[in-house]
Amino acid sequence: MEHSSDVQLFISILGRLPNLSAIVYAASFCDAIDVFQYCLARPQITSIAFDYYANTFSAFEPPSALDTIMNAPISLTSFSYVVPLWREQSWRLGRHTPERLFEREEKWLYALVPRMANTIEKLTLPMETSPILAMADLSWPALQELSIRGRYLSDKQTEALPLFLSSVSRLRKLSITISRLGPTTRPYILGSRTASHTTSPASHTTTINGLRSLTVAYPNPDDNIFSIDATHLSHLSLRDHPRFYHDCSRKPIVTSLFARPILRADECLSILRRMDMPVLASLELVYLADTAGCDDELLTYVTQSFPHLSHLELHRYRANREEVVDYVHIAKLLTAARGLLSVRLNLDFHEDHGPYCHREFDYSIWQSKFKGRCGPEIVDIFEAACPWLDYVELLYHAYNGSRWTKFRTSRYPEPRIVDRSAV
C-alpha cells in the first residue's frame, strides 16, 4: 500500500522519538492502518489510542494488512478504540452500509484483541464489534481498567458480556455504556441476582473485587454487578447512554430509535441500598421522577449514607411534563451532604426550551431566568450549608449543543458565572 504524504510525515516523526511509549492517533483518513502497523512493530510503544473519530478498522477490508499484523507480537498495556456515538447515522447519511462496516471492524478486532490478553491493563472497545465470546475464554491477569461502549447488535452479545466480565478478576475501573435499538429492556451485564443459584450462563458468578470506579448505563436493578464487593468504590455512575435529554426535547429527531429504559427514583434507591460503599466520593444518578417529591427519599438517602461524598451529579427528569420543578426544595435536601465540593444538576426545568431549538429561537427569556435567578439562587442555598463548596453547574441547552454552566460561590471574584461557550 502506498503511504499518503501525511502518513509518511507522521511515521517519520515517530521514528525520531526513540523513547516514545504511547501514541494517540486521529484516524480520520484510511492510511491510518499503516501507522498502527508501525507502532506494533516497535515494542517500546505499549499504549495505542484511536481518538473519537476513529474509523480505521471499518475502513479496511481484511486481509489487506491483516496478515502482517497477525504475525507481529503484541505486548500493549493500553489500547483504546473509541468510536463516535452517532457513527451509524453518519454512515447512513454518507450512503454506507453499517452492517458491512461492522463486519470489517469485527474481523480486525477479533484478530487483535484476544492477543493482548496477557499484557493489557487498560482497554476501551466498541460493543458492536468486540470479540466478547472469544475474550471470555481467556485469562486477563493484568486488566485493571475496562470500558465498553456502543450498542448491542444481537442477543448473543447480551449473553456473552456477563461471561467475559466473570473472567476478569483484577478490575479497578469498569465502565459499561451500551445502548440498544428496539425493545426497552435492560440486559444484564453480570447476570441476574434472582438466577444466582441456577446453572444458566447469565447467572455466572464473578470474582471481581476491589473495584474503585463503576459506570453503568441504563442498569438493571437486579443485576449481579450491584452485589460485588463495593467497599473500595469511590465513584459510581448510574447513567443514560445516549443522554436522555436528546429524546426529551420538543423535537426528538436525533436519537428516537434508541431504547430509553431510564431508572425510576425508587429503582435508583434500591440499587444504592444493595451496595455497601463507605468511601464513595463521587456519584452520578440519572432517573425519572413520577411525581413531585417522589424522589425525596432517594435524595435523603444519598446525603445521609455517604459521608465522604464530594461530587454529586443528578439528572432528574419529570414523568409529568406539567410538573413545576421545585428546585429550591431539591437544593435544600441536597445540602445535607455538607462535604460537597462540586455539584452538577440537570433538573429538567419546566420552563426550559430543551435541546435542538434552531438559531432563530428566542433564548432570552429562559436564559435570563437561568442565569439571573435559578443558578444564583441554587448556589447560594448550597453555599450556606456546604462550607467547602467550589461551584454548582447547571445544564443549559443552546442551539449549538448542551453544556454545563458554572455558578461559583461568593468567595470567587466576578464574573461568578462561567459559560464555557461564552465569548
Protein backbone atom coordinates (compact mmCIF):
# COMPACT_ATOMS: atom_id res chain seq x y z
CA MET A 1 0.00 0.00 0.00
CA GLU A 2 1.30 3.47 -0.81
CA HIS A 3 1.54 5.87 2.08
CA SER A 4 -0.07 9.27 1.76
CA SER A 5 2.21 12.23 2.41
CA ASP A 6 0.52 12.78 5.77
CA VAL A 7 1.19 9.23 6.91
CA GLN A 8 4.79 9.34 5.70
CA LEU A 9 5.37 12.53 7.65
CA PHE A 10 3.73 11.12 10.77
CA ILE A 11 5.78 7.91 10.66
CA SER A 12 8.92 9.95 10.07
CA ILE A 13 8.19 11.94 13.21
CA LEU A 14 7.60 8.78 15.22
CA GLY A 15 10.94 7.42 14.07
CA ARG A 16 12.70 10.40 15.61
CA LEU A 17 11.22 9.68 19.06
CA PRO A 18 13.09 6.61 20.30
CA ASN A 19 11.68 6.83 23.82
CA LEU A 20 8.06 7.04 22.70
CA SER A 21 5.87 4.67 24.72
CA ALA A 22 2.35 5.91 23.93
CA ILE A 23 0.59 7.20 20.83
CA VAL A 24 -2.82 8.84 20.42
CA TYR A 25 -3.84 8.92 16.79
CA ALA A 26 -6.68 10.64 14.95
CA ALA A 27 -7.76 8.01 12.46
CA SER A 28 -9.58 10.27 10.07
CA PHE A 29 -8.01 9.02 6.86
CA CYS A 30 -7.75 5.47 5.56
CA ASP A 31 -3.96 5.11 5.66
CA ALA A 32 -4.10 5.15 9.46
CA ILE A 33 -3.63 1.37 9.49
CA ASP A 34 -0.05 1.91 8.32
CA VAL A 35 0.64 3.92 11.44
CA PHE A 36 -0.88 1.12 13.50
CA GLN A 37 1.40 -1.45 11.87
CA TYR A 38 4.38 0.78 12.50
CA CYS A 39 3.51 1.09 16.19
CA LEU A 40 3.04 -2.65 16.68
CA ALA A 41 6.48 -3.23 15.21
CA ARG A 42 8.05 -1.05 17.93
CA PRO A 43 7.98 -2.93 21.26
CA GLN A 44 8.70 0.27 23.19
CA ILE A 45 5.26 1.55 22.19
CA THR A 46 2.97 -0.04 24.78
CA SER A 47 -0.06 2.26 24.51
CA ILE A 48 -2.16 3.00 21.42
CA ALA A 49 -5.34 5.09 21.39
CA PHE A 50 -7.51 5.98 18.42
CA ASP A 51 -9.46 9.14 19.08
CA TYR A 52 -13.15 10.00 18.82
CA TYR A 53 -13.17 9.96 15.03
CA ALA A 54 -11.62 6.52 14.70
CA ASN A 55 -12.75 4.58 11.65
CA THR A 56 -9.58 2.65 10.96
CA PHE A 57 -10.80 -0.91 11.14
CA SER A 58 -14.14 -0.34 9.47
CA ALA A 59 -12.38 1.31 6.52
CA PHE A 60 -10.18 -1.67 5.67
CA GLU A 61 -11.21 -4.92 4.12
CA PRO A 62 -9.12 -7.79 5.53
CA PRO A 63 -6.74 -9.33 4.64
CA SER A 64 -5.10 -6.24 3.05
CA ALA A 65 -2.81 -5.77 6.04
CA LEU A 66 -4.20 -8.30 8.49
CA ASP A 67 -1.63 -11.00 7.74
CA THR A 68 1.20 -8.65 8.64
CA ILE A 69 -0.40 -7.66 11.92
CA MET A 70 -1.29 -11.26 12.76
CA ASN A 71 2.40 -12.16 12.70
CA ALA A 72 3.52 -9.22 14.82
CA PRO A 73 3.90 -9.74 18.58
CA ILE A 74 1.53 -7.61 20.64
CA SER A 75 2.66 -6.50 24.09
CA LEU A 76 0.42 -3.49 24.60
CA THR A 77 -0.55 -2.43 28.10
CA SER A 78 -3.16 0.08 26.91
CA PHE A 79 -5.43 0.02 23.86
CA SER A 80 -8.30 2.40 23.21
CA TYR A 81 -10.56 2.31 20.18
CA VAL A 82 -13.19 4.99 20.69
CA VAL A 83 -15.89 5.39 18.07
CA PRO A 84 -18.37 8.26 17.59
CA LEU A 85 -21.73 7.92 19.31
CA TRP A 86 -23.57 8.80 16.10
CA ARG A 87 -21.38 6.90 13.64
CA GLU A 88 -24.20 4.75 12.26
CA GLN A 89 -26.20 7.84 11.44
CA SER A 90 -23.14 9.34 9.74
CA TRP A 91 -22.58 6.19 7.73
CA ARG A 92 -26.16 6.14 6.51
CA LEU A 93 -26.03 9.80 5.58
CA GLY A 94 -22.91 9.02 3.59
CA ARG A 95 -24.71 6.13 1.85
CA HIS A 96 -22.55 3.49 3.57
CA THR A 97 -23.89 0.17 4.79
CA PRO A 98 -23.34 -0.12 8.57
CA GLU A 99 -23.57 -3.92 8.53
CA ARG A 100 -20.69 -4.16 6.06
CA LEU A 101 -18.53 -1.74 8.01
CA PHE A 102 -19.25 -3.55 11.26
CA GLU A 103 -18.20 -6.82 9.62
CA ARG A 104 -14.84 -5.36 8.63
CA GLU A 105 -14.19 -3.90 12.05
CA GLU A 106 -15.14 -7.14 13.76
CA LYS A 107 -12.56 -9.10 11.77
CA TRP A 108 -9.79 -6.74 12.79
CA LEU A 109 -10.70 -6.69 16.48
CA TYR A 110 -11.14 -10.47 16.55
CA ALA A 111 -7.59 -10.84 15.28
CA LEU A 112 -6.10 -8.24 17.59
CA VAL A 113 -7.82 -8.01 20.96
CA PRO A 114 -7.54 -11.62 22.25
CA ARG A 115 -3.79 -11.47 21.61
CA MET A 116 -3.50 -8.62 24.11
CA ALA A 117 -4.87 -10.73 26.97
CA ASN A 118 -1.62 -11.37 28.81
CA THR A 119 -0.34 -7.79 28.98
CA ILE A 120 -3.22 -5.35 28.58
CA GLU A 121 -4.00 -3.17 31.60
CA LYS A 122 -6.37 -0.56 30.12
CA LEU A 123 -8.85 -1.46 27.38
CA THR A 124 -11.56 0.55 25.60
CA LEU A 125 -13.66 -1.17 22.92
CA PRO A 126 -16.92 -0.81 20.97
CA MET A 127 -19.59 -3.35 21.91
CA GLU A 128 -20.80 -3.74 18.32
CA THR A 129 -17.67 -5.49 17.04
CA SER A 130 -15.66 -6.70 20.03
CA PRO A 131 -14.96 -10.47 20.19
CA ILE A 132 -16.54 -10.81 23.62
CA LEU A 133 -17.12 -14.57 23.47
CA ALA A 134 -13.53 -15.24 22.43
CA MET A 135 -12.35 -12.92 25.19
CA ALA A 136 -14.38 -14.84 27.78
CA ASP A 137 -12.33 -17.98 27.13
CA LEU A 138 -9.07 -16.24 28.07
CA SER A 139 -7.37 -15.10 31.24
CA TRP A 140 -6.76 -11.35 31.65
CA PRO A 141 -4.28 -11.21 34.54
CA ALA A 142 -3.24 -7.55 34.12
CA LEU A 143 -6.53 -5.90 33.08
CA GLN A 144 -7.45 -3.15 35.55
CA GLU A 145 -9.46 -0.61 33.54
CA LEU A 146 -12.17 -1.66 31.09
CA SER A 147 -14.56 0.49 29.09
CA ILE A 148 -17.10 -0.97 26.66
CA ARG A 149 -19.39 1.42 24.83
CA GLY A 150 -21.58 1.45 21.74
CA ARG A 151 -24.70 -0.68 21.35
CA TYR A 152 -25.81 -4.30 21.26
CA LEU A 153 -26.24 -5.73 17.79
CA SER A 154 -27.59 -9.14 18.84
CA ASP A 155 -28.90 -11.16 21.75
CA LYS A 156 -25.72 -13.25 21.66
CA GLN A 157 -23.77 -10.19 22.71
CA THR A 158 -26.02 -9.62 25.72
CA GLU A 159 -25.36 -13.22 26.79
CA ALA A 160 -21.61 -13.02 26.14
CA LEU A 161 -20.86 -9.91 28.19
CA PRO A 162 -21.59 -11.47 31.63
CA LEU A 163 -19.39 -14.43 30.71
CA PHE A 164 -16.48 -12.18 29.83
CA LEU A 165 -16.78 -9.97 32.89
CA SER A 166 -16.88 -13.07 35.06
CA SER A 167 -13.42 -13.97 33.77
CA VAL A 168 -11.87 -10.65 34.83
CA SER A 169 -10.83 -10.52 38.46
CA ARG A 170 -8.48 -7.57 38.94
CA LEU A 171 -10.59 -4.71 37.63
CA ARG A 172 -10.28 -1.36 39.36
CA LYS A 173 -12.33 0.70 36.89
CA LEU A 174 -15.32 -0.60 34.89
CA SER A 175 -17.49 1.41 32.50
CA ILE A 176 -20.31 -0.22 30.55
CA THR A 177 -22.19 2.36 28.49
CA ILE A 178 -24.10 0.28 25.98
CA SER A 179 -27.30 1.30 24.25
CA ARG A 180 -29.68 -0.66 22.06
CA LEU A 181 -32.32 -0.15 19.43
CA GLY A 182 -35.80 -1.55 19.67
CA PRO A 183 -37.26 -3.06 22.89
CA THR A 184 -36.71 -1.10 26.08
CA THR A 185 -35.17 -3.97 28.03
CA ARG A 186 -32.19 -3.72 30.34
CA PRO A 187 -29.74 -6.54 29.59
CA TYR A 188 -27.69 -7.82 32.50
CA ILE A 189 -24.00 -7.04 32.43
CA LEU A 190 -23.12 -9.55 35.14
CA GLY A 191 -26.13 -11.84 35.29
CA SER A 192 -29.35 -11.88 37.27
CA ARG A 193 -29.34 -11.88 41.05
CA THR A 194 -32.56 -13.92 41.13
CA ALA A 195 -30.94 -16.58 38.92
CA SER A 196 -27.76 -16.80 41.01
CA HIS A 197 -28.48 -20.35 42.10
CA THR A 198 -29.21 -21.72 38.64
CA THR A 199 -26.85 -23.11 36.05
CA SER A 200 -27.72 -20.65 33.30
CA PRO A 201 -24.86 -18.68 31.70
CA ALA A 202 -26.48 -15.43 32.75
CA SER A 203 -26.06 -16.41 36.40
CA HIS A 204 -22.30 -16.92 36.13
CA THR A 205 -20.62 -15.61 39.27
CA THR A 206 -17.69 -13.23 39.37
CA THR A 207 -14.53 -12.79 41.35
CA ILE A 208 -14.47 -9.02 40.79
CA ASN A 209 -13.39 -7.30 43.98
CA GLY A 210 -11.60 -4.13 44.89
CA LEU A 211 -13.39 -2.06 42.22
CA ARG A 212 -12.75 1.69 42.59
CA SER A 213 -14.98 3.08 39.83
CA LEU A 214 -18.18 1.73 38.27
CA THR A 215 -20.23 3.28 35.46
CA VAL A 216 -23.33 1.54 34.08
CA ALA A 217 -25.77 2.94 31.52
CA TYR A 218 -29.45 2.02 31.94
CA PRO A 219 -28.69 -0.58 34.61
CA ASN A 220 -30.98 -3.41 35.64
CA PRO A 221 -31.63 -3.11 39.41
CA ASP A 222 -31.49 -6.92 39.67
CA ASP A 223 -28.03 -7.12 38.08
CA ASN A 224 -25.32 -9.02 39.93
CA ILE A 225 -22.94 -6.13 39.29
CA PHE A 226 -24.52 -4.43 42.30
CA SER A 227 -23.74 -7.41 44.52
CA ILE A 228 -19.96 -7.19 44.14
CA ASP A 229 -17.67 -6.04 46.93
CA ALA A 230 -18.01 -2.24 46.74
CA THR A 231 -16.20 -1.34 49.95
CA HIS A 232 -13.39 0.33 47.96
CA LEU A 233 -15.68 2.04 45.43
CA SER A 234 -15.06 5.80 45.25
CA HIS A 235 -17.08 6.58 42.09
CA LEU A 236 -20.49 5.27 40.97
CA SER A 237 -22.45 6.37 37.92
CA LEU A 238 -25.94 5.06 37.14
CA ARG A 239 -26.48 6.94 33.93
CA ASP A 240 -28.04 7.08 30.49
CA HIS A 241 -26.43 6.49 27.09
CA PRO A 242 -27.05 8.34 24.88
CA ARG A 243 -28.22 11.14 27.12
CA PHE A 244 -31.94 11.00 27.84
CA TYR A 245 -32.40 14.69 27.12
CA HIS A 246 -31.83 14.07 23.40
CA ASP A 247 -35.24 12.39 23.25
CA CYS A 248 -36.70 14.58 25.96
CA SER A 249 -36.55 17.60 23.67
CA ARG A 250 -39.56 19.07 21.90
CA LYS A 251 -38.16 17.78 18.63
CA PRO A 252 -36.70 14.29 19.29
CA ILE A 253 -35.19 13.98 15.85
CA VAL A 254 -31.75 12.68 16.74
CA THR A 255 -31.99 9.51 18.81
CA SER A 256 -35.63 8.44 18.75
CA LEU A 257 -34.67 4.91 17.64
CA PHE A 258 -32.65 4.23 20.78
CA ALA A 259 -34.25 2.42 23.70
CA ARG A 260 -34.63 4.65 26.78
CA PRO A 261 -35.25 2.42 29.84
CA ILE A 262 -34.43 5.17 32.33
CA LEU A 263 -34.48 4.25 36.01
CA ARG A 264 -37.26 5.39 38.30
CA ALA A 265 -36.28 7.09 41.55
CA ASP A 266 -37.23 4.02 43.61
CA GLU A 267 -35.10 1.80 41.37
CA CYS A 268 -32.09 4.05 41.94
CA LEU A 269 -32.71 3.82 45.66
CA SER A 270 -32.95 0.01 45.57
CA ILE A 271 -29.55 -0.20 43.85
CA LEU A 272 -27.86 2.12 46.33
CA ARG A 273 -29.28 0.19 49.27
CA ARG A 274 -27.82 -3.04 47.89
CA MET A 275 -24.30 -1.64 47.83
CA ASP A 276 -22.02 -1.07 50.82
CA MET A 277 -19.93 1.95 49.73
CA PRO A 278 -18.30 3.50 52.81
CA VAL A 279 -15.71 5.54 50.85
CA LEU A 280 -17.89 6.75 47.97
CA ALA A 281 -16.76 10.24 46.96
CA SER A 282 -18.37 10.78 43.53
CA LEU A 283 -21.91 9.85 42.49
CA GLU A 284 -23.94 10.34 39.31
CA LEU A 285 -27.62 9.42 39.15
CA VAL A 286 -29.98 9.66 36.19
CA TYR A 287 -33.63 8.94 36.95
CA LEU A 288 -37.26 9.71 36.23
CA ALA A 289 -39.43 11.25 38.94
CA ASP A 290 -43.02 10.04 38.62
CA THR A 291 -44.43 12.85 40.76
CA ALA A 292 -43.10 15.90 42.55
CA GLY A 293 -41.44 14.83 45.81
CA CYS A 294 -41.35 11.12 44.98
CA ASP A 295 -37.54 11.26 44.95
CA ASP A 296 -37.19 12.89 48.39
CA GLU A 297 -36.36 9.53 49.97
CA LEU A 298 -33.68 8.89 47.36
CA LEU A 299 -32.05 12.30 47.82
CA THR A 300 -32.18 11.99 51.60
CA TYR A 301 -30.53 8.57 51.43
CA VAL A 302 -27.74 9.95 49.24
CA THR A 303 -26.95 12.79 51.60
CA GLN A 304 -27.05 10.65 54.75
CA SER A 305 -25.34 7.44 53.59
CA PHE A 306 -22.10 8.64 52.02
CA PRO A 307 -20.12 10.79 54.46
CA HIS A 308 -17.20 11.21 52.03
CA LEU A 309 -19.32 12.43 49.12
CA SER A 310 -17.60 15.41 47.47
CA HIS A 311 -19.01 15.42 43.93
CA LEU A 312 -22.66 14.86 43.05
CA GLU A 313 -24.25 14.85 39.59
CA LEU A 314 -28.00 14.49 39.22
CA HIS A 315 -30.08 14.26 36.06
CA ARG A 316 -33.68 14.38 37.25
CA TYR A 317 -36.43 14.08 34.63
CA ARG A 318 -40.15 14.70 35.02
CA ALA A 319 -42.59 11.93 34.11
CA ASN A 320 -45.33 14.54 34.39
CA ARG A 321 -44.40 17.21 31.88
CA GLU A 322 -46.74 19.65 33.65
CA GLU A 323 -44.80 19.44 36.92
CA VAL A 324 -43.30 22.72 38.08
CA VAL A 325 -39.81 21.85 39.31
CA ASP A 326 -39.29 22.92 42.92
CA TYR A 327 -35.56 23.41 42.58
CA VAL A 328 -35.31 25.22 45.92
CA HIS A 329 -36.71 22.18 47.72
CA ILE A 330 -34.35 19.83 45.87
CA ALA A 331 -31.32 22.01 46.59
CA LYS A 332 -32.14 22.24 50.29
CA LEU A 333 -32.45 18.46 50.55
CA LEU A 334 -29.05 18.01 48.96
CA THR A 335 -27.28 20.46 51.27
CA ALA A 336 -27.36 17.80 54.00
CA ALA A 337 -24.24 16.47 52.24
CA ARG A 338 -22.05 19.14 53.82
CA GLY A 339 -18.79 17.82 52.37
CA LEU A 340 -19.71 18.61 48.77
CA LEU A 341 -17.06 20.37 46.70
CA SER A 342 -18.92 20.41 43.38
CA VAL A 343 -22.48 19.76 42.20
CA ARG A 344 -23.92 19.19 38.73
CA LEU A 345 -27.67 19.44 38.27
CA ASN A 346 -29.83 18.74 35.26
CA LEU A 347 -33.27 19.35 36.75
CA ASP A 348 -35.30 19.31 33.53
CA PHE A 349 -36.75 22.72 34.37
CA HIS A 350 -40.37 23.17 33.33
CA GLU A 351 -39.52 26.48 31.64
CA ASP A 352 -36.53 25.12 29.74
CA HIS A 353 -36.90 25.08 25.96
CA GLY A 354 -34.81 21.90 25.71
CA PRO A 355 -32.14 20.98 23.14
CA TYR A 356 -32.19 21.36 19.36
CA CYS A 357 -34.01 24.65 19.09
CA HIS A 358 -32.98 26.49 15.94
CA ARG A 359 -30.69 29.52 16.00
CA GLU A 360 -33.61 31.91 15.42
CA PHE A 361 -35.39 30.66 18.54
CA ASP A 362 -35.75 33.32 21.28
CA TYR A 363 -33.46 32.08 24.05
CA SER A 364 -33.51 35.35 26.01
CA ILE A 365 -36.43 34.65 28.36
CA TRP A 366 -35.14 31.35 29.74
CA GLN A 367 -31.51 32.47 29.66
CA SER A 368 -32.39 35.46 31.82
CA LYS A 369 -34.17 33.28 34.40
CA PHE A 370 -31.48 30.60 34.24
CA LYS A 371 -28.52 32.94 34.82
CA GLY A 372 -30.25 35.69 36.74
CA ARG A 373 -32.43 33.71 39.14
CA CYS A 374 -32.22 29.89 39.18
CA GLY A 375 -28.46 29.48 39.12
CA PRO A 376 -27.56 32.16 41.69
CA GLU A 377 -30.37 31.04 44.00
CA ILE A 378 -29.27 27.40 43.90
CA VAL A 379 -25.59 28.13 44.50
CA ASP A 380 -26.46 30.43 47.41
CA ILE A 381 -28.51 27.64 49.03
CA PHE A 382 -25.61 25.22 48.74
CA GLU A 383 -23.02 27.72 49.86
CA ALA A 384 -24.91 28.47 53.06
CA ALA A 385 -24.73 24.82 54.15
CA CYS A 386 -21.63 23.37 52.41
CA PRO A 387 -18.54 25.27 53.60
CA TRP A 388 -16.10 23.68 51.14
CA LEU A 389 -18.24 24.07 48.02
CA ASP A 390 -16.49 25.49 44.93
CA TYR A 391 -19.36 25.68 42.46
CA VAL A 392 -22.67 24.37 41.17
CA GLU A 393 -23.08 23.56 37.48
CA LEU A 394 -26.47 23.59 35.76
CA LEU A 395 -27.18 22.07 32.35
CA TYR A 396 -28.07 24.60 29.71
CA HIS A 397 -29.44 23.79 26.24
CA ALA A 398 -28.24 26.09 23.47
CA TYR A 399 -28.77 25.88 19.74
CA ASN A 400 -25.24 24.52 19.27
CA GLY A 401 -25.46 21.84 21.93
CA SER A 402 -25.99 21.29 25.62
CA ARG A 403 -23.36 22.40 28.10
CA TRP A 404 -22.68 22.90 31.80
CA THR A 405 -22.81 26.48 33.05
CA LYS A 406 -20.80 27.03 36.23
CA PHE A 407 -22.04 29.17 39.14
CA ARG A 408 -19.18 29.87 41.56
CA THR A 409 -19.55 30.64 45.24
CA SER A 410 -19.17 34.15 46.63
CA ARG A 411 -15.53 33.73 47.58
CA TYR A 412 -14.67 33.95 43.87
CA PRO A 413 -14.41 37.34 42.14
CA GLU A 414 -16.82 38.38 39.44
CA PRO A 415 -17.79 37.11 36.96
CA ARG A 416 -19.00 34.21 39.08
CA ILE A 417 -20.97 32.71 36.17
CA VAL A 418 -18.75 30.80 33.75
CA ASP A 419 -20.29 29.71 30.46
CA ARG A 420 -17.85 27.53 28.53
CA SER A 421 -19.24 28.65 25.19
CA ALA A 422 -19.45 32.33 26.03
CA VAL A 423 -17.24 34.71 24.03
